[in-house]
Amino acid sequence: MGDEITDLIDREKTAHNNLVAELNEITVARIAGKLITVEAAEKAMGERIGAARPKLLSIPGGLARLVVAQDRDAIIQELRTAIAEAADALRPITADEVTTRDIIRLPDEHED
């Protein structure tokens, strides 16, 4: 019985220490200005998807022109370029790409 209580206390201490460590990481990120709101990330990703969609949809329409006018290697290169441009629009969002107004500003712990 005593060992079970000791084990439970140890598990709770570990969980507490893990939470404190995670909170410290969040605090450091907040101070460094690397936190953004979920809304800002969703908006930025929506803009990315909006930019990629027409690029992806234009690929099939351009195929007829490519097939008629060019050889196999040129067609492959044109397709790779078009796909790379669309994929670039979907690259991961970085904190630098979100405006400063979207950065989470949490009050300091000593502020009320």
N, C-alpha and C. Protein backbone atom coordinates (compact mmCIF):
# COMPACT_ATOMS: atom_id res chain seq x y z
N MET A 1 0.83 -1.19 0.00
CA MET A 1 0.00 0.00 0.00
C MET A 1 0.87 1.25 0.00
N GLY A 2 1.91 1.25 0.82
CA GLY A 2 2.80 2.42 0.88
C GLY A 2 3.53 2.65 -0.43
N ASP A 3 3.94 1.53 -1.11
CA ASP A 3 4.62 1.66 -2.39
C ASP A 3 3.69 2.23 -3.45
N GLU A 4 2.42 1.85 -3.40
CA GLU A 4 1.45 2.36 -4.36
C GLU A 4 1.28 3.88 -4.20
N ILE A 5 1.23 4.32 -2.98
CA ILE A 5 1.10 5.76 -2.73
C ILE A 5 2.34 6.50 -3.19
N THR A 6 3.50 5.93 -2.92
CA THR A 6 4.76 6.54 -3.36
C THR A 6 4.81 6.61 -4.89
N ASP A 7 4.39 5.54 -5.56
CA ASP A 7 4.35 5.53 -7.02
C ASP A 7 3.39 6.58 -7.55
N LEU A 8 2.23 6.69 -6.92
CA LEU A 8 1.25 7.68 -7.34
C LEU A 8 1.80 9.09 -7.16
N ILE A 9 2.45 9.35 -6.05
CA ILE A 9 3.06 10.66 -5.81
C ILE A 9 4.13 10.94 -6.85
N ASP A 10 4.96 9.95 -7.17
CA ASP A 10 6.01 10.12 -8.18
C ASP A 10 5.41 10.43 -9.55
N ARG A 11 4.34 9.73 -9.91
CA ARG A 11 3.70 9.98 -11.21
C ARG A 11 3.11 11.39 -11.25
N GLU A 12 2.52 11.81 -10.17
CA GLU A 12 1.94 13.16 -10.12
C GLU A 12 3.03 14.23 -10.19
N LYS A 13 4.14 13.99 -9.50
CA LYS A 13 5.27 14.94 -9.57
C LYS A 13 5.81 15.02 -10.99
N THR A 14 5.92 13.88 -11.65
CA THR A 14 6.41 13.86 -13.03
C THR A 14 5.45 14.62 -13.94
N ALA A 15 4.16 14.38 -13.80
CA ALA A 15 3.16 15.09 -14.61
C ALA A 15 3.24 16.59 -14.36
N HIS A 16 3.39 16.96 -13.09
CA HIS A 16 3.51 18.38 -12.74
C HIS A 16 4.76 18.98 -13.37
N ASN A 17 5.88 18.30 -13.26
CA ASN A 17 7.14 18.80 -13.83
C ASN A 17 7.04 18.94 -15.35
N ASN A 18 6.37 17.99 -16.01
CA ASN A 18 6.18 18.07 -17.45
C ASN A 18 5.34 19.28 -17.83
N LEU A 19 4.30 19.54 -17.07
CA LEU A 19 3.45 20.70 -17.34
C LEU A 19 4.20 22.01 -17.11
N VAL A 20 5.00 22.06 -16.07
CA VAL A 20 5.80 23.26 -15.80
C VAL A 20 6.80 23.48 -16.95
N ALA A 21 7.42 22.41 -17.42
CA ALA A 21 8.37 22.53 -18.53
C ALA A 21 7.66 23.03 -19.79
N GLU A 22 6.49 22.50 -20.08
CA GLU A 22 5.73 22.94 -21.25
C GLU A 22 5.32 24.40 -21.12
N LEU A 23 4.89 24.80 -19.94
CA LEU A 23 4.54 26.20 -19.72
C LEU A 23 5.75 27.11 -19.90
N ASN A 24 6.89 26.66 -19.44
CA ASN A 24 8.12 27.45 -19.64
C ASN A 24 8.45 27.60 -21.11
N GLU A 25 8.28 26.52 -21.91
CA GLU A 25 8.52 26.61 -23.34
C GLU A 25 7.56 27.60 -24.00
N ILE A 26 6.31 27.57 -23.61
CA ILE A 26 5.32 28.49 -24.16
C ILE A 26 5.68 29.93 -23.78
N THR A 27 6.11 30.13 -22.55
CA THR A 27 6.50 31.47 -22.10
C THR A 27 7.67 32.00 -22.90
N VAL A 28 8.67 31.16 -23.14
CA VAL A 28 9.83 31.56 -23.94
C VAL A 28 9.38 31.91 -25.36
N ALA A 29 8.53 31.08 -25.95
CA ALA A 29 8.04 31.35 -27.29
C ALA A 29 7.24 32.64 -27.33
N ARG A 30 6.45 32.89 -26.28
CA ARG A 30 5.66 34.12 -26.21
C ARG A 30 6.57 35.33 -26.17
N ILE A 31 7.58 35.27 -25.33
CA ILE A 31 8.52 36.39 -25.21
C ILE A 31 9.26 36.62 -26.51
N ALA A 32 9.59 35.54 -27.22
CA ALA A 32 10.30 35.65 -28.50
C ALA A 32 9.39 36.08 -29.64
N GLY A 33 8.08 36.19 -29.38
CA GLY A 33 7.14 36.60 -30.42
C GLY A 33 6.86 35.51 -31.44
N LYS A 34 6.95 34.25 -31.03
CA LYS A 34 6.76 33.15 -31.96
C LYS A 34 5.39 32.48 -31.85
N LEU A 35 4.51 33.00 -31.04
CA LEU A 35 3.18 32.43 -30.92
C LEU A 35 2.20 33.23 -31.78
N ILE A 36 1.36 32.54 -32.49
CA ILE A 36 0.30 33.20 -33.26
C ILE A 36 -1.03 32.59 -32.86
N THR A 37 -2.09 33.32 -33.11
CA THR A 37 -3.41 32.80 -32.78
C THR A 37 -3.81 31.74 -33.79
N VAL A 38 -4.71 30.88 -33.38
CA VAL A 38 -5.25 29.86 -34.28
C VAL A 38 -5.94 30.56 -35.45
N GLU A 39 -6.65 31.63 -35.17
CA GLU A 39 -7.35 32.37 -36.22
C GLU A 39 -6.38 32.91 -37.27
N ALA A 40 -5.24 33.41 -36.83
CA ALA A 40 -4.25 33.94 -37.76
C ALA A 40 -3.67 32.83 -38.63
N ALA A 41 -3.41 31.69 -38.03
CA ALA A 41 -2.89 30.56 -38.80
C ALA A 41 -3.92 30.06 -39.80
N GLU A 42 -5.18 29.98 -39.37
CA GLU A 42 -6.25 29.55 -40.28
C GLU A 42 -6.40 30.53 -41.44
N LYS A 43 -6.32 31.82 -41.14
CA LYS A 43 -6.43 32.84 -42.19
C LYS A 43 -5.28 32.71 -43.18
N ALA A 44 -4.07 32.57 -42.67
CA ALA A 44 -2.89 32.45 -43.54
C ALA A 44 -2.98 31.18 -44.40
N MET A 45 -3.40 30.07 -43.81
CA MET A 45 -3.52 28.84 -44.57
C MET A 45 -4.63 28.94 -45.60
N GLY A 46 -5.72 29.60 -45.25
CA GLY A 46 -6.81 29.82 -46.21
C GLY A 46 -6.34 30.62 -47.40
N GLU A 47 -5.51 31.62 -47.14
CA GLU A 47 -4.94 32.42 -48.24
C GLU A 47 -4.04 31.56 -49.11
N ARG A 48 -3.26 30.69 -48.48
CA ARG A 48 -2.38 29.80 -49.23
C ARG A 48 -3.19 28.87 -50.13
N ILE A 49 -4.23 28.27 -49.56
CA ILE A 49 -5.07 27.35 -50.33
C ILE A 49 -5.75 28.11 -51.47
N GLY A 50 -6.20 29.32 -51.17
CA GLY A 50 -6.83 30.14 -52.20
C GLY A 50 -5.88 30.46 -53.35
N ALA A 51 -4.60 30.62 -53.05
CA ALA A 51 -3.61 30.90 -54.10
C ALA A 51 -3.24 29.64 -54.86
N ALA A 52 -3.22 28.50 -54.19
CA ALA A 52 -2.81 27.24 -54.85
C ALA A 52 -3.93 26.66 -55.72
N ARG A 53 -5.15 26.85 -55.29
CA ARG A 53 -6.28 26.22 -56.01
C ARG A 53 -6.31 26.56 -57.49
N PRO A 54 -6.30 27.85 -57.88
CA PRO A 54 -6.36 28.14 -59.32
C PRO A 54 -5.14 27.62 -60.08
N LYS A 55 -4.00 27.58 -59.41
CA LYS A 55 -2.79 27.05 -60.07
C LYS A 55 -2.97 25.57 -60.37
N LEU A 56 -3.49 24.83 -59.39
CA LEU A 56 -3.71 23.40 -59.60
C LEU A 56 -4.79 23.15 -60.65
N LEU A 57 -5.85 23.95 -60.61
CA LEU A 57 -6.94 23.76 -61.56
C LEU A 57 -6.55 24.14 -62.98
N SER A 58 -5.56 24.98 -63.14
CA SER A 58 -5.15 25.39 -64.48
C SER A 58 -4.26 24.36 -65.17
N ILE A 59 -3.72 23.41 -64.42
CA ILE A 59 -2.81 22.41 -65.01
C ILE A 59 -3.51 21.59 -66.11
N PRO A 60 -4.66 20.99 -65.85
CA PRO A 60 -5.29 20.19 -66.92
C PRO A 60 -5.62 21.02 -68.17
N GLY A 61 -6.06 22.24 -67.98
CA GLY A 61 -6.39 23.09 -69.12
C GLY A 61 -5.18 23.39 -69.99
N GLY A 62 -4.02 23.45 -69.37
CA GLY A 62 -2.81 23.73 -70.12
C GLY A 62 -2.22 22.50 -70.79
N LEU A 63 -2.72 21.33 -70.44
CA LEU A 63 -2.18 20.09 -71.02
C LEU A 63 -2.37 20.01 -72.53
N ALA A 64 -3.53 20.40 -73.02
CA ALA A 64 -3.78 20.30 -74.46
C ALA A 64 -2.77 21.14 -75.23
N ARG A 65 -2.53 22.34 -74.77
CA ARG A 65 -1.55 23.22 -75.42
C ARG A 65 -0.17 22.59 -75.38
N LEU A 66 0.19 22.00 -74.25
CA LEU A 66 1.50 21.38 -74.11
C LEU A 66 1.67 20.17 -75.01
N VAL A 67 0.67 19.31 -75.06
CA VAL A 67 0.77 18.07 -75.82
C VAL A 67 0.91 18.36 -77.31
N VAL A 68 0.21 19.36 -77.80
CA VAL A 68 0.25 19.68 -79.22
C VAL A 68 1.55 20.37 -79.60
N ALA A 69 2.02 21.26 -78.77
CA ALA A 69 3.12 22.14 -79.17
C ALA A 69 4.51 21.65 -78.81
N GLN A 70 4.66 20.68 -77.94
CA GLN A 70 6.01 20.39 -77.45
C GLN A 70 6.29 18.89 -77.40
N ASP A 71 7.56 18.58 -77.22
CA ASP A 71 7.96 17.17 -77.10
C ASP A 71 7.77 16.70 -75.66
N ARG A 72 7.98 15.41 -75.45
CA ARG A 72 7.74 14.78 -74.15
C ARG A 72 8.52 15.44 -73.01
N ASP A 73 9.82 15.68 -73.20
CA ASP A 73 10.64 16.27 -72.15
C ASP A 73 10.17 17.68 -71.78
N ALA A 74 9.77 18.45 -72.79
CA ALA A 74 9.28 19.80 -72.53
C ALA A 74 7.96 19.76 -71.77
N ILE A 75 7.10 18.81 -72.11
CA ILE A 75 5.82 18.65 -71.42
C ILE A 75 6.06 18.31 -69.95
N ILE A 76 6.95 17.37 -69.71
CA ILE A 76 7.26 16.97 -68.33
C ILE A 76 7.81 18.16 -67.54
N GLN A 77 8.69 18.92 -68.14
CA GLN A 77 9.27 20.09 -67.46
C GLN A 77 8.20 21.13 -67.15
N GLU A 78 7.31 21.38 -68.11
CA GLU A 78 6.23 22.35 -67.88
C GLU A 78 5.32 21.89 -66.74
N LEU A 79 4.98 20.60 -66.72
CA LEU A 79 4.14 20.06 -65.65
C LEU A 79 4.84 20.16 -64.30
N ARG A 80 6.11 19.83 -64.25
CA ARG A 80 6.86 19.93 -62.99
C ARG A 80 6.88 21.37 -62.48
N THR A 81 7.07 22.31 -63.39
CA THR A 81 7.10 23.72 -63.00
C THR A 81 5.74 24.15 -62.44
N ALA A 82 4.66 23.79 -63.13
CA ALA A 82 3.32 24.16 -62.68
C ALA A 82 2.99 23.55 -61.33
N ILE A 83 3.35 22.29 -61.14
CA ILE A 83 3.08 21.62 -59.87
C ILE A 83 3.94 22.21 -58.76
N ALA A 84 5.19 22.54 -59.05
CA ALA A 84 6.07 23.14 -58.04
C ALA A 84 5.54 24.50 -57.62
N GLU A 85 5.01 25.29 -58.55
CA GLU A 85 4.46 26.59 -58.19
C GLU A 85 3.24 26.44 -57.28
N ALA A 86 2.39 25.48 -57.59
CA ALA A 86 1.21 25.24 -56.74
C ALA A 86 1.64 24.72 -55.37
N ALA A 87 2.62 23.83 -55.35
CA ALA A 87 3.11 23.28 -54.07
C ALA A 87 3.76 24.36 -53.22
N ASP A 88 4.45 25.29 -53.85
CA ASP A 88 5.09 26.38 -53.11
C ASP A 88 4.05 27.22 -52.39
N ALA A 89 2.89 27.37 -53.00
CA ALA A 89 1.82 28.14 -52.35
C ALA A 89 1.30 27.44 -51.10
N LEU A 90 1.55 26.16 -50.97
CA LEU A 90 1.08 25.38 -49.82
C LEU A 90 2.17 25.07 -48.81
N ARG A 91 3.31 25.74 -48.93
CA ARG A 91 4.40 25.48 -47.99
C ARG A 91 3.97 25.85 -46.57
N PRO A 92 4.63 25.31 -45.56
CA PRO A 92 4.25 25.60 -44.17
C PRO A 92 4.32 27.10 -43.85
N ILE A 93 3.46 27.52 -42.97
CA ILE A 93 3.41 28.91 -42.53
C ILE A 93 4.46 29.11 -41.46
N THR A 94 5.17 30.22 -41.55
CA THR A 94 6.12 30.57 -40.49
C THR A 94 5.56 31.75 -39.70
N ALA A 95 6.04 31.90 -38.50
CA ALA A 95 5.57 33.00 -37.65
C ALA A 95 5.87 34.35 -38.28
N ASP A 96 6.95 34.44 -39.04
CA ASP A 96 7.32 35.71 -39.67
C ASP A 96 6.31 36.16 -40.71
N GLU A 97 5.53 35.22 -41.26
CA GLU A 97 4.57 35.55 -42.30
C GLU A 97 3.25 36.07 -41.76
N VAL A 98 3.05 35.98 -40.48
CA VAL A 98 1.82 36.45 -39.87
C VAL A 98 2.09 37.83 -39.28
N THR A 99 1.19 38.74 -39.50
CA THR A 99 1.42 40.11 -39.05
C THR A 99 1.52 40.18 -37.54
N THR A 100 2.20 41.19 -37.05
CA THR A 100 2.41 41.32 -35.61
C THR A 100 1.10 41.49 -34.86
N ARG A 101 0.06 41.97 -35.50
CA ARG A 101 -1.22 42.12 -34.80
C ARG A 101 -1.84 40.77 -34.47
N ASP A 102 -1.39 39.71 -35.17
CA ASP A 102 -1.91 38.38 -34.94
C ASP A 102 -1.16 37.62 -33.86
N ILE A 103 -0.07 38.16 -33.37
CA ILE A 103 0.72 37.47 -32.36
C ILE A 103 -0.02 37.50 -31.03
N ILE A 104 -0.02 36.38 -30.35
CA ILE A 104 -0.67 36.30 -29.04
C ILE A 104 0.11 37.15 -28.05
N ARG A 105 -0.55 37.99 -27.37
CA ARG A 105 0.07 38.77 -26.31
C ARG A 105 -0.61 38.40 -25.00
N LEU A 106 0.07 37.58 -24.23
CA LEU A 106 -0.46 37.17 -22.94
C LEU A 106 0.07 38.13 -21.88
N PRO A 107 -0.74 38.43 -20.88
CA PRO A 107 -0.24 39.31 -19.83
C PRO A 107 0.88 38.63 -19.06
N ASP A 108 1.83 39.44 -18.61
CA ASP A 108 2.90 38.89 -17.78
C ASP A 108 2.28 38.36 -16.50
N GLU A 109 2.93 37.40 -15.89
CA GLU A 109 2.38 36.77 -14.71
C GLU A 109 2.20 37.74 -13.55
N HIS A 110 3.03 38.79 -13.50
CA HIS A 110 2.92 39.74 -12.39
C HIS A 110 1.89 40.83 -12.65
N GLU A 111 1.32 40.87 -13.88
CA GLU A 111 0.29 41.86 -14.19
C GLU A 111 -1.06 41.33 -13.77
N ASP A 112 -1.97 42.23 -13.44
CA ASP A 112 -3.34 41.82 -13.08
C ASP A 112 -4.31 42.25 -14.13
